[in-house]
C-alpha cells in the first residue's frame, strides 16, 4: 500500500512541475518573425544549391570530355568533389529529419 501512496505523490509532483513549466513558457507564435526564413524555405534553398553544384560539375565534366579549351581537369575534380560533399551533407540532414520524425512518432501520447 505504501508503494501506491508513493506513486500517487510522485505523480502529483510531476503534474505540479508540468503545470509550472507550462505557465513559464511563452505562447507559441503562429507566424514567424518578419524577415526570418521558414525551415521549408531554407531547406528548399539548400536543395537548390545541391542541384546547382551537381549541374555545374556535370557541365564541367562534359566540357572536359569534349576537349573544350580552358577546362582543366583539376577544376572538374574540384567541382565533382563539391557536388559529392554537398549531396552527402544533404543526405545526412535528411537522415536526421527522418530519425527525429520517427522518434516523435514513437513517443507515447
PDB file of N, CA and C in Angstrom:
ATOM      1  N   UNK A   1       0.811  -1.181   0.000  1.00  0.00           N
ATOM      2  CA  UNK A   1       0.000   0.000   0.000  1.00  0.00           C
ATOM      3  C   UNK A   1       0.864   1.259   0.000  1.00  0.00           C
ATOM      4  N   UNK A   2       2.011   1.230   0.640  1.00  0.00           N
ATOM      5  CA  UNK A   2       2.884   2.393   0.675  1.00  0.00           C
ATOM      6  C   UNK A   2       3.443   2.716  -0.712  1.00  0.00           C
ATOM      7  N   UNK A   3       3.581   1.681  -1.570  1.00  0.00           N
ATOM      8  CA  UNK A   3       4.048   1.929  -2.930  1.00  0.00           C
ATOM      9  C   UNK A   3       3.014   2.726  -3.712  1.00  0.00           C
ATOM     10  N   UNK A   4       1.732   2.438  -3.518  1.00  0.00           N
ATOM     11  CA  UNK A   4       0.665   3.170  -4.191  1.00  0.00           C
ATOM     12  C   UNK A   4       0.642   4.625  -3.764  1.00  0.00           C
ATOM     13  N   UNK A   5       0.838   4.864  -2.469  1.00  0.00           N
ATOM     14  CA  UNK A   5       0.864   6.230  -1.945  1.00  0.00           C
ATOM     15  C   UNK A   5       2.071   6.968  -2.504  1.00  0.00           C
ATOM     16  N   UNK A   6       3.220   6.300  -2.538  1.00  0.00           N
ATOM     17  CA  UNK A   6       4.450   6.889  -3.057  1.00  0.00           C
ATOM     18  C   UNK A   6       4.282   7.233  -4.539  1.00  0.00           C
ATOM     19  N   UNK A   7       3.664   6.343  -5.315  1.00  0.00           N
ATOM     20  CA  UNK A   7       3.429   6.567  -6.731  1.00  0.00           C
ATOM     21  C   UNK A   7       2.508   7.774  -6.937  1.00  0.00           C
ATOM     22  N   UNK A   8       1.433   7.846  -6.151  1.00  0.00           N
ATOM     23  CA  UNK A   8       0.493   8.963  -6.278  1.00  0.00           C
ATOM     24  C   UNK A   8       1.162  10.292  -5.949  1.00  0.00           C
ATOM     25  N   UNK A   9       1.991  10.295  -4.913  1.00  0.00           N
ATOM     26  CA  UNK A   9       2.705  11.521  -4.542  1.00  0.00           C
ATOM     27  C   UNK A   9       3.657  11.947  -5.649  1.00  0.00           C
ATOM     28  N   UNK A  10       4.346  10.982  -6.254  1.00  0.00           N
ATOM     29  CA  UNK A  10       5.257  11.261  -7.353  1.00  0.00           C
ATOM     30  C   UNK A  10       4.503  11.822  -8.554  1.00  0.00           C
ATOM     31  N   UNK A  11       3.359  11.247  -8.862  1.00  0.00           N
ATOM     32  CA  UNK A  11       2.547  11.731  -9.977  1.00  0.00           C
ATOM     33  C   UNK A  11       2.069  13.161  -9.726  1.00  0.00           C
ATOM     34  N   UNK A  12       1.667  13.462  -8.499  1.00  0.00           N
ATOM     35  CA  UNK A  12       1.229  14.824  -8.165  1.00  0.00           C
ATOM     36  C   UNK A  12       2.372  15.823  -8.326  1.00  0.00           C
ATOM     37  N   UNK A  13       3.560  15.449  -7.891  1.00  0.00           N
ATOM     38  CA  UNK A  13       4.719  16.322  -8.037  1.00  0.00           C
ATOM     39  C   UNK A  13       5.047  16.553  -9.505  1.00  0.00           C
ATOM     40  N   UNK A  14       4.967  15.502 -10.314  1.00  0.00           N
ATOM     41  CA  UNK A  14       5.252  15.634 -11.740  1.00  0.00           C
ATOM     42  C   UNK A  14       4.227  16.547 -12.410  1.00  0.00           C
ATOM     43  N   UNK A  15       2.956  16.396 -12.060  1.00  0.00           N
ATOM     44  CA  UNK A  15       1.914  17.257 -12.627  1.00  0.00           C
ATOM     45  C   UNK A  15       2.120  18.702 -12.205  1.00  0.00           C
ATOM     46  N   UNK A  16       2.522  18.903 -10.974  1.00  0.00           N
ATOM     47  CA  UNK A  16       2.793  20.251 -10.483  1.00  0.00           C
ATOM     48  C   UNK A  16       3.952  20.885 -11.256  1.00  0.00           C
ATOM     49  N   UNK A  17       5.018  20.108 -11.473  1.00  0.00           N
ATOM     50  CA  UNK A  17       6.163  20.603 -12.238  1.00  0.00           C
ATOM     51  C   UNK A  17       5.765  20.895 -13.678  1.00  0.00           C
ATOM     52  N   UNK A  18       4.933  20.051 -14.253  1.00  0.00           N
ATOM     53  CA  UNK A  18       4.473  20.264 -15.618  1.00  0.00           C
ATOM     54  C   UNK A  18       3.659  21.559 -15.710  1.00  0.00           C
ATOM     55  N   UNK A  19       2.780  21.787 -14.744  1.00  0.00           N
ATOM     56  CA  UNK A  19       1.963  22.997 -14.738  1.00  0.00           C
ATOM     57  C   UNK A  19       2.846  24.239 -14.607  1.00  0.00           C
ATOM     58  N   UNK A  20       3.867  24.177 -13.759  1.00  0.00           N
ATOM     59  CA  UNK A  20       4.791  25.297 -13.614  1.00  0.00           C
ATOM     60  C   UNK A  20       5.533  25.575 -14.916  1.00  0.00           C
ATOM     61  N   UNK A  21       5.987  24.519 -15.574  1.00  0.00           N
ATOM     62  CA  UNK A  21       6.709  24.669 -16.843  1.00  0.00           C
ATOM     63  C   UNK A  21       5.807  25.255 -17.913  1.00  0.00           C
ATOM     64  N   UNK A  22       4.561  24.802 -17.953  1.00  0.00           N
ATOM     65  CA  UNK A  22       3.621  25.324 -18.951  1.00  0.00           C
ATOM     66  C   UNK A  22       3.329  26.798 -18.698  1.00  0.00           C
ATOM     67  N   UNK A  23       3.262  27.197 -17.435  1.00  0.00           N
ATOM     68  CA  UNK A  23       2.984  28.590 -17.100  1.00  0.00           C
ATOM     69  C   UNK A  23       4.149  29.495 -17.482  1.00  0.00           C
ATOM     70  N   UNK A  24       5.369  28.983 -17.449  1.00  0.00           N
ATOM     71  CA  UNK A  24       6.559  29.780 -17.764  1.00  0.00           C
ATOM     72  C   UNK A  24       6.823  29.903 -19.255  1.00  0.00           C
ATOM     73  N   UNK A  25       6.263  29.014 -20.054  1.00  0.00           N
ATOM     74  CA  UNK A  25       6.522  29.032 -21.488  1.00  0.00           C
ATOM     75  C   UNK A  25       5.881  30.249 -22.123  1.00  0.00           C
ATOM     76  N   UNK A  26       6.574  30.786 -23.140  1.00  0.00           N
ATOM     77  CA  UNK A  26       5.999  31.865 -23.915  1.00  0.00           C
ATOM     78  C   UNK A  26       4.981  31.259 -24.868  1.00  0.00           C
ATOM     79  N   UNK A  27       3.945  31.998 -25.194  1.00  0.00           N
ATOM     80  CA  UNK A  27       2.995  31.467 -26.164  1.00  0.00           C
ATOM     81  C   UNK A  27       3.676  31.278 -27.515  1.00  0.00           C
ATOM     82  N   UNK A  28       3.316  30.204 -28.195  1.00  0.00           N
ATOM     83  CA  UNK A  28       3.909  29.894 -29.485  1.00  0.00           C
ATOM     84  C   UNK A  28       3.301  30.808 -30.534  1.00  0.00           C
ATOM     85  N   UNK A  29       4.135  31.504 -31.260  1.00  0.00           N
ATOM     86  CA  UNK A  29       3.655  32.398 -32.311  1.00  0.00           C
ATOM     87  C   UNK A  29       3.258  31.581 -33.527  1.00  0.00           C
ATOM     88  N   UNK A  30       2.149  31.945 -34.114  1.00  0.00           N
ATOM     89  CA  UNK A  30       1.681  31.195 -35.278  1.00  0.00           C
ATOM     90  C   UNK A  30       2.383  31.636 -36.547  1.00  0.00           C
ATOM     91  N   UNK A  31       2.971  32.822 -36.530  1.00  0.00           N
ATOM     92  CA  UNK A  31       3.687  33.300 -37.711  1.00  0.00           C
ATOM     93  C   UNK A  31       5.134  33.559 -37.336  1.00  0.00           C
ATOM     94  N   UNK A  32       6.063  33.283 -38.271  1.00  0.00           N
ATOM     95  CA  UNK A  32       7.472  33.552 -37.973  1.00  0.00           C
ATOM     96  C   UNK A  32       7.729  35.056 -37.932  1.00  0.00           C
ATOM     97  N   UNK A  33       8.834  35.413 -37.326  1.00  0.00           N
ATOM     98  CA  UNK A  33       9.208  36.820 -37.248  1.00  0.00           C
ATOM     99  C   UNK A  33       9.406  37.376 -38.646  1.00  0.00           C
ATOM    100  N   UNK A  34       9.169  38.666 -38.785  1.00  0.00           N
ATOM    101  CA  UNK A  34       9.322  39.309 -40.085  1.00  0.00           C
ATOM    102  C   UNK A  34      10.777  39.215 -40.531  1.00  0.00           C
ATOM    103  N   UNK A  35      10.992  38.769 -41.741  1.00  0.00           N
ATOM    104  CA  UNK A  35      12.335  38.664 -42.292  1.00  0.00           C
ATOM    105  C   UNK A  35      13.023  37.350 -42.001  1.00  0.00           C
ATOM    106  N   UNK A  36      12.509  36.556 -41.090  1.00  0.00           N
ATOM    107  CA  UNK A  36      13.118  35.271 -40.758  1.00  0.00           C
ATOM    108  C   UNK A  36      12.606  34.210 -41.727  1.00  0.00           C
ATOM    109  N   UNK A  37      13.514  33.520 -42.432  1.00  0.00           N
ATOM    110  CA  UNK A  37      13.049  32.491 -43.373  1.00  0.00           C
ATOM    111  C   UNK A  37      12.522  31.276 -42.632  1.00  0.00           C
ATOM    112  N   UNK A  38      11.538  30.633 -43.210  1.00  0.00           N
ATOM    113  CA  UNK A  38      10.997  29.428 -42.596  1.00  0.00           C
ATOM    114  C   UNK A  38      11.930  28.252 -42.883  1.00  0.00           C
ATOM    115  N   UNK A  39      11.726  27.174 -42.138  1.00  0.00           N
ATOM    116  CA  UNK A  39      12.557  25.993 -42.329  1.00  0.00           C
ATOM    117  C   UNK A  39      12.402  25.440 -43.732  1.00  0.00           C
ATOM    118  N   UNK A  40      11.175  25.425 -44.238  1.00  0.00           N
ATOM    119  CA  UNK A  40      10.949  24.876 -45.575  1.00  0.00           C
ATOM    120  C   UNK A  40      11.652  25.705 -46.645  1.00  0.00           C
ATOM    121  N   UNK A  41      11.688  27.039 -46.460  1.00  0.00           N
ATOM    122  CA  UNK A  41      12.405  27.889 -47.410  1.00  0.00           C
ATOM    123  C   UNK A  41      13.903  27.599 -47.377  1.00  0.00           C
ATOM    124  N   UNK A  42      14.448  27.475 -46.169  1.00  0.00           N
ATOM    125  CA  UNK A  42      15.879  27.202 -46.034  1.00  0.00           C
ATOM    126  C   UNK A  42      16.236  25.839 -46.616  1.00  0.00           C
ATOM    127  N   UNK A  43      15.378  24.839 -46.358  1.00  0.00           N
ATOM    128  CA  UNK A  43      15.631  23.502 -46.875  1.00  0.00           C
ATOM    129  C   UNK A  43      15.536  23.503 -48.400  1.00  0.00           C
ATOM    130  N   UNK A  44      14.566  24.229 -48.950  1.00  0.00           N
ATOM    131  CA  UNK A  44      14.424  24.348 -50.402  1.00  0.00           C
ATOM    132  C   UNK A  44      15.635  25.017 -51.037  1.00  0.00           C
ATOM    133  N   UNK A  45      16.152  26.053 -50.390  1.00  0.00           N
ATOM    134  CA  UNK A  45      17.346  26.729 -50.895  1.00  0.00           C
ATOM    135  C   UNK A  45      18.555  25.787 -50.869  1.00  0.00           C
ATOM    136  N   UNK A  46      18.665  25.005 -49.811  1.00  0.00           N
ATOM    137  CA  UNK A  46      19.781  24.053 -49.719  1.00  0.00           C
ATOM    138  C   UNK A  46      19.676  22.998 -50.815  1.00  0.00           C
ATOM    139  N   UNK A  47      18.462  22.515 -51.079  1.00  0.00           N
ATOM    140  CA  UNK A  47      18.277  21.549 -52.170  1.00  0.00           C
ATOM    141  C   UNK A  47      18.630  22.168 -53.511  1.00  0.00           C
ATOM    142  N   UNK A  48      18.241  23.415 -53.697  1.00  0.00           N
ATOM    143  CA  UNK A  48      18.582  24.116 -54.934  1.00  0.00           C
ATOM    144  C   UNK A  48      20.086  24.252 -55.114  1.00  0.00           C
ATOM    145  N   UNK A  49      20.791  24.545 -54.028  1.00  0.00           N
ATOM    146  CA  UNK A  49      22.255  24.676 -54.091  1.00  0.00           C
ATOM    147  C   UNK A  49      22.913  23.339 -54.429  1.00  0.00           C
ATOM    148  N   UNK A  50      22.406  22.251 -53.854  1.00  0.00           N
ATOM    149  CA  UNK A  50      22.941  20.921 -54.175  1.00  0.00           C
ATOM    150  C   UNK A  50      22.732  20.632 -55.657  1.00  0.00           C
ATOM    151  N   UNK A  51      21.555  20.955 -56.152  1.00  0.00           N
ATOM    152  CA  UNK A  51      21.250  20.730 -57.571  1.00  0.00           C
ATOM    153  C   UNK A  51      22.167  21.562 -58.464  1.00  0.00           C
ATOM    154  N   UNK A  52      22.381  22.819 -58.083  1.00  0.00           N
ATOM    155  CA  UNK A  52      23.287  23.683 -58.857  1.00  0.00           C
ATOM    156  C   UNK A  52      24.702  23.103 -58.885  1.00  0.00           C
ATOM    157  N   UNK A  53      25.185  22.622 -57.746  1.00  0.00           N
ATOM    158  CA  UNK A  53      26.524  22.036 -57.686  1.00  0.00           C
ATOM    159  C   UNK A  53      26.632  20.814 -58.596  1.00  0.00           C
ATOM    160  N   UNK A  54      25.598  19.983 -58.591  1.00  0.00           N
ATOM    161  CA  UNK A  54      25.615  18.788 -59.439  1.00  0.00           C
ATOM    162  C   UNK A  54      25.584  19.147 -60.914  1.00  0.00           C
ATOM    163  N   UNK A  55      24.776  20.129 -61.268  1.00  0.00           N
ATOM    164  CA  UNK A  55      24.695  20.545 -62.666  1.00  0.00           C
ATOM    165  C   UNK A  55      26.004  21.173 -63.135  1.00  0.00           C
ATOM    166  N   UNK A  56      26.619  21.998 -62.290  1.00  0.00           N
ATOM    167  CA  UNK A  56      27.895  22.624 -62.643  1.00  0.00           C
ATOM    168  C   UNK A  56      28.981  21.569 -62.837  1.00  0.00           C
ATOM    169  N   UNK A  57      29.016  20.575 -61.947  1.00  0.00           N
ATOM    170  CA  UNK A  57      30.009  19.507 -62.072  1.00  0.00           C
ATOM    171  C   UNK A  57      29.781  18.706 -63.346  1.00  0.00           C
ATOM    172  N   UNK A  58      28.533  18.446 -63.656  1.00  0.00           N
ATOM    173  CA  UNK A  58      28.206  17.693 -64.871  1.00  0.00           C
ATOM    174  C   UNK A  58      28.605  18.467 -66.124  1.00  0.00           C
ATOM    175  N   UNK A  59      28.339  19.761 -66.134  1.00  0.00           N
ATOM    176  CA  UNK A  59      28.692  20.591 -67.298  1.00  0.00           C
ATOM    177  C   UNK A  59      30.202  20.654 -67.476  1.00  0.00           C
ATOM    178  N   UNK A  60      30.926  20.812 -66.374  1.00  0.00           N
ATOM    179  CA  UNK A  60      32.392  20.858 -66.466  1.00  0.00           C
ATOM    180  C   UNK A  60      32.952  19.527 -66.950  1.00  0.00           C
ATOM    181  N   UNK A  61      32.409  18.434 -66.455  1.00  0.00           N
ATOM    182  CA  UNK A  61      32.883  17.114 -66.880  1.00  0.00           C
ATOM    183  C   UNK A  61      32.617  16.897 -68.370  1.00  0.00           C
ATOM    184  N   UNK A  62      31.438  17.295 -68.813  1.00  0.00           N
ATOM    185  CA  UNK A  62      31.112  17.152 -70.233  1.00  0.00           C
ATOM    186  C   UNK A  62      32.024  18.009 -71.091  1.00  0.00           C
ATOM    187  N   UNK A  63      32.264  19.247 -70.648  1.00  0.00           N
ATOM    188  CA  UNK A  63      33.147  20.142 -71.398  1.00  0.00           C
ATOM    189  C   UNK A  63      34.563  19.580 -71.466  1.00  0.00           C
ATOM    190  N   UNK A  64      35.043  18.999 -70.372  1.00  0.00           N
ATOM    191  CA  UNK A  64      36.381  18.415 -70.370  1.00  0.00           C
ATOM    192  C   UNK A  64      36.454  17.211 -71.299  1.00  0.00           C
ATOM    193  N   UNK A  65      35.408  16.370 -71.271  1.00  0.00           N
ATOM    194  CA  UNK A  65      35.379  15.186 -72.125  1.00  0.00           C
ATOM    195  C   UNK A  65      35.352  15.558 -73.602  1.00  0.00           C
ATOM    196  N   UNK A  66      34.726  16.670 -73.920  1.00  0.00           N
ATOM    197  CA  UNK A  66      34.640  17.107 -75.313  1.00  0.00           C
ATOM    198  C   UNK A  66      35.892  17.865 -75.757  1.00  0.00           C
ATOM    199  N   UNK A  67      36.782  18.140 -74.817  1.00  0.00           N
ATOM    200  CA  UNK A  67      38.032  18.798 -75.165  1.00  0.00           C
ATOM    201  C   UNK A  67      37.924  20.302 -75.263  1.00  0.00           C
ATOM    202  N   UNK A  68      36.970  20.879 -74.619  1.00  0.00           N
ATOM    203  CA  UNK A  68      36.805  22.334 -74.639  1.00  0.00           C
ATOM    204  C   UNK A  68      38.029  22.981 -74.014  1.00  0.00           C
ATOM    205  N   UNK A  69      38.553  23.992 -74.709  1.00  0.00           N
ATOM    206  CA  UNK A  69      39.744  24.661 -74.184  1.00  0.00           C
ATOM    207  C   UNK A  69      39.377  25.487 -72.966  1.00  0.00           C
ATOM    208  N   UNK A  70      40.295  25.590 -72.021  1.00  0.00           N
ATOM    209  CA  UNK A  70      40.085  26.359 -70.809  1.00  0.00           C
ATOM    210  C   UNK A  70      39.483  25.552 -69.662  1.00  0.00           C
ATOM    211  N   UNK A  71      39.129  24.290 -69.937  1.00  0.00           N
ATOM    212  CA  UNK A  71      38.572  23.452 -68.872  1.00  0.00           C
ATOM    213  C   UNK A  71      39.682  22.532 -68.393  1.00  0.00           C
ATOM    214  N   UNK A  72      40.063  22.714 -67.164  1.00  0.00           N
ATOM    215  CA  UNK A  72      41.166  21.961 -66.575  1.00  0.00           C
ATOM    216  C   UNK A  72      40.621  20.781 -65.767  1.00  0.00           C
ATOM    217  N   UNK A  73      41.379  19.704 -65.747  1.00  0.00           N
ATOM    218  CA  UNK A  73      40.970  18.516 -65.006  1.00  0.00           C
ATOM    219  C   UNK A  73      40.815  18.807 -63.518  1.00  0.00           C
ATOM    220  N   UNK A  74      41.674  19.662 -62.971  1.00  0.00           N
ATOM    221  CA  UNK A  74      41.558  19.987 -61.548  1.00  0.00           C
ATOM    222  C   UNK A  74      40.234  20.699 -61.238  1.00  0.00           C
ATOM    223  N   UNK A  75      39.799  21.577 -62.146  1.00  0.00           N
ATOM    224  CA  UNK A  75      38.507  22.249 -61.952  1.00  0.00           C
ATOM    225  C   UNK A  75      37.364  21.240 -61.971  1.00  0.00           C
ATOM    226  N   UNK A  76      37.454  20.266 -62.863  1.00  0.00           N
ATOM    227  CA  UNK A  76      36.425  19.231 -62.962  1.00  0.00           C
ATOM    228  C   UNK A  76      36.395  18.406 -61.678  1.00  0.00           C
ATOM    229  N   UNK A  77      37.548  18.028 -61.186  1.00  0.00           N
ATOM    230  CA  UNK A  77      37.610  17.209 -59.977  1.00  0.00           C
ATOM    231  C   UNK A  77      37.133  17.979 -58.746  1.00  0.00           C
ATOM    232  N   UNK A  78      37.482  19.246 -58.653  1.00  0.00           N
ATOM    233  CA  UNK A  78      37.025  20.062 -57.525  1.00  0.00           C
ATOM    234  C   UNK A  78      35.512  20.213 -57.563  1.00  0.00           C
ATOM    235  N   UNK A  79      34.963  20.477 -58.746  1.00  0.00           N
ATOM    236  CA  UNK A  79      33.508  20.610 -58.877  1.00  0.00           C
ATOM    237  C   UNK A  79      32.809  19.300 -58.520  1.00  0.00           C
ATOM    238  N   UNK A  80      33.392  18.185 -58.933  1.00  0.00           N
ATOM    239  CA  UNK A  80      32.804  16.882 -58.617  1.00  0.00           C
ATOM    240  C   UNK A  80      32.841  16.626 -57.110  1.00  0.00           C
ATOM    241  N   UNK A  81      33.920  17.000 -56.450  1.00  0.00           N
ATOM    242  CA  UNK A  81      34.019  16.821 -55.001  1.00  0.00           C
ATOM    243  C   UNK A  81      33.050  17.732 -54.253  1.00  0.00           C
ATOM    244  N   UNK A  82      32.899  18.982 -54.720  1.00  0.00           N
ATOM    245  CA  UNK A  82      31.930  19.891 -54.100  1.00  0.00           C
ATOM    246  C   UNK A  82      30.529  19.304 -54.209  1.00  0.00           C
ATOM    247  N   UNK A  83      30.227  18.778 -55.370  1.00  0.00           N
ATOM    248  CA  UNK A  83      28.920  18.173 -55.607  1.00  0.00           C
ATOM    249  C   UNK A  83      28.708  16.976 -54.683  1.00  0.00           C
ATOM    250  N   UNK A  84      29.712  16.152 -54.563  1.00  0.00           N
ATOM    251  CA  UNK A  84      29.625  14.964 -53.719  1.00  0.00           C
ATOM    252  C   UNK A  84      29.454  15.330 -52.245  1.00  0.00           C
ATOM    253  N   UNK A  85      30.236  16.278 -51.773  1.00  0.00           N
ATOM    254  CA  UNK A  85      30.162  16.691 -50.368  1.00  0.00           C
ATOM    255  C   UNK A  85      28.809  17.327 -50.063  1.00  0.00           C
ATOM    256  N   UNK A  86      28.306  18.173 -50.956  1.00  0.00           N
ATOM    257  CA  UNK A  86      27.010  18.803 -50.702  1.00  0.00           C
ATOM    258  C   UNK A  86      25.891  17.770 -50.697  1.00  0.00           C
ATOM    259  N   UNK A  87      25.988  16.760 -51.561  1.00  0.00           N
ATOM    260  CA  UNK A  87      24.972  15.711 -51.583  1.00  0.00           C
ATOM    261  C   UNK A  87      25.032  14.871 -50.301  1.00  0.00           C
ATOM    262  N   UNK A  88      26.231  14.558 -49.842  1.00  0.00           N
ATOM    263  CA  UNK A  88      26.375  13.797 -48.602  1.00  0.00           C
ATOM    264  C   UNK A  88      25.836  14.580 -47.407  1.00  0.00           C
ATOM    265  N   UNK A  89      26.101  15.884 -47.380  1.00  0.00           N
ATOM    266  CA  UNK A  89      25.593  16.716 -46.283  1.00  0.00           C
ATOM    267  C   UNK A  89      24.072  16.751 -46.303  1.00  0.00           C
ATOM    268  N   UNK A  90      23.493  16.901 -47.478  1.00  0.00           N
ATOM    269  CA  UNK A  90      22.034  16.934 -47.586  1.00  0.00           C
ATOM    270  C   UNK A  90      21.429  15.588 -47.181  1.00  0.00           C
ATOM    271  N   UNK A  91      22.100  14.505 -47.529  1.00  0.00           N
ATOM    272  CA  UNK A  91      21.621  13.179 -47.141  1.00  0.00           C
ATOM    273  C   UNK A  91      21.652  13.026 -45.619  1.00  0.00           C
ATOM    274  N   UNK A  92      22.689  13.537 -44.975  1.00  0.00           N
ATOM    275  CA  UNK A  92      22.772  13.460 -43.518  1.00  0.00           C
ATOM    276  C   UNK A  92      21.670  14.290 -42.853  1.00  0.00           C
ATOM    277  N   UNK A  93      21.378  15.466 -43.419  1.00  0.00           N
ATOM    278  CA  UNK A  93      20.290  16.291 -42.887  1.00  0.00           C
ATOM    279  C   UNK A  93      18.963  15.551 -43.031  1.00  0.00           C
ATOM    280  N   UNK A  94      18.754  14.953 -44.184  1.00  0.00           N
ATOM    281  CA  UNK A  94      17.523  14.183 -44.404  1.00  0.00           C
ATOM    282  C   UNK A  94      17.420  13.030 -43.409  1.00  0.00           C
ATOM    283  N   UNK A  95      18.520  12.318 -43.205  1.00  0.00           N
ATOM    284  CA  UNK A  95      18.514  11.201 -42.257  1.00  0.00           C
ATOM    285  C   UNK A  95      18.176  11.671 -40.845  1.00  0.00           C
ATOM    286  N   UNK A  96      18.721  12.814 -40.443  1.00  0.00           N
ATOM    287  CA  UNK A  96      18.423  13.351 -39.114  1.00  0.00           C
ATOM    288  C   UNK A  96      16.953  13.741 -39.008  1.00  0.00           C
ATOM    289  N   UNK A  97      16.389  14.322 -40.060  1.00  0.00           N
ATOM    290  CA  UNK A  97      14.976  14.687 -40.040  1.00  0.00           C
ATOM    291  C   UNK A  97      14.082  13.457 -39.939  1.00  0.00           C
ATOM    292  N   UNK A  98      14.417  12.427 -40.689  1.00  0.00           N
ATOM    293  CA  UNK A  98      13.634  11.191 -40.645  1.00  0.00           C
ATOM    294  C   UNK A  98      13.737  10.561 -39.268  1.00  0.00           C
ATOM    295  N   UNK A  99      14.915  10.548 -38.685  1.00  0.00           N
ATOM    296  CA  UNK A  99      15.100   9.981 -37.349  1.00  0.00           C
ATOM    297  C   UNK A  99      14.310  10.768 -36.311  1.00  0.00           C
ATOM    298  N   UNK A 100      14.331  12.106 -36.418  1.00  0.00           N
ATOM    299  CA  UNK A 100      13.569  12.922 -35.481  1.00  0.00           C
ATOM    300  C   UNK A 100      12.075  12.659 -35.625  1.00  0.00           C
ATOM    301  N   UNK A 101      11.601  12.525 -36.848  1.00  0.00           N
ATOM    302  CA  UNK A 101      10.187  12.220 -37.087  1.00  0.00           C
ATOM    303  C   UNK A 101       9.821  10.867 -36.468  1.00  0.00           C
ATOM    304  N   UNK A 102      10.679   9.869 -36.682  1.00  0.00           N
ATOM    305  CA  UNK A 102      10.397   8.554 -36.127  1.00  0.00           C
ATOM    306  C   UNK A 102      10.409   8.571 -34.603  1.00  0.00           C
ATOM    307  N   UNK A 103      11.335   9.333 -34.014  1.00  0.00           N
ATOM    308  CA  UNK A 103      11.383   9.450 -32.557  1.00  0.00           C
ATOM    309  C   UNK A 103      10.108  10.091 -32.020  1.00  0.00           C
ATOM    310  N   UNK A 104       9.630  11.115 -32.702  1.00  0.00           N
ATOM    311  CA  UNK A 104       8.409  11.791 -32.264  1.00  0.00           C
ATOM    312  C   UNK A 104       7.210  10.859 -32.408  1.00  0.00           C
ATOM    313  N   UNK A 105       7.157  10.112 -33.479  1.00  0.00           N
ATOM    314  CA  UNK A 105       6.023   9.206 -33.700  1.00  0.00           C
ATOM    315  C   UNK A 105       6.005   8.061 -32.692  1.00  0.00           C
ATOM    316  N   UNK A 106       7.142   7.707 -32.125  1.00  0.00           N
ATOM    317  CA  UNK A 106       7.206   6.633 -31.147  1.00  0.00           C
ATOM    318  C   UNK A 106       6.943   7.096 -29.723  1.00  0.00           C
ATOM    319  N   UNK A 107       6.811   8.403 -29.539  1.00  0.00           N
ATOM    320  CA  UNK A 107       6.538   8.922 -28.200  1.00  0.00           C
ATOM    321  C   UNK A 107       5.118   8.548 -27.780  1.00  0.00           C
ATOM    322  N   UNK A 108       4.964   8.171 -26.533  1.00  0.00           N
ATOM    323  CA  UNK A 108       3.591   7.865 -26.064  1.00  0.00           C
ATOM    324  C   UNK A 108       2.766   9.143 -25.987  1.00  0.00           C
ATOM    325  N   UNK A 109       1.494   9.006 -26.279  1.00  0.00           N
ATOM    326  CA  UNK A 109       0.601  10.170 -26.281  1.00  0.00           C
ATOM    327  C   UNK A 109       0.055  10.457 -24.919  1.00  0.00           C
TER     328      UNK A 109
END
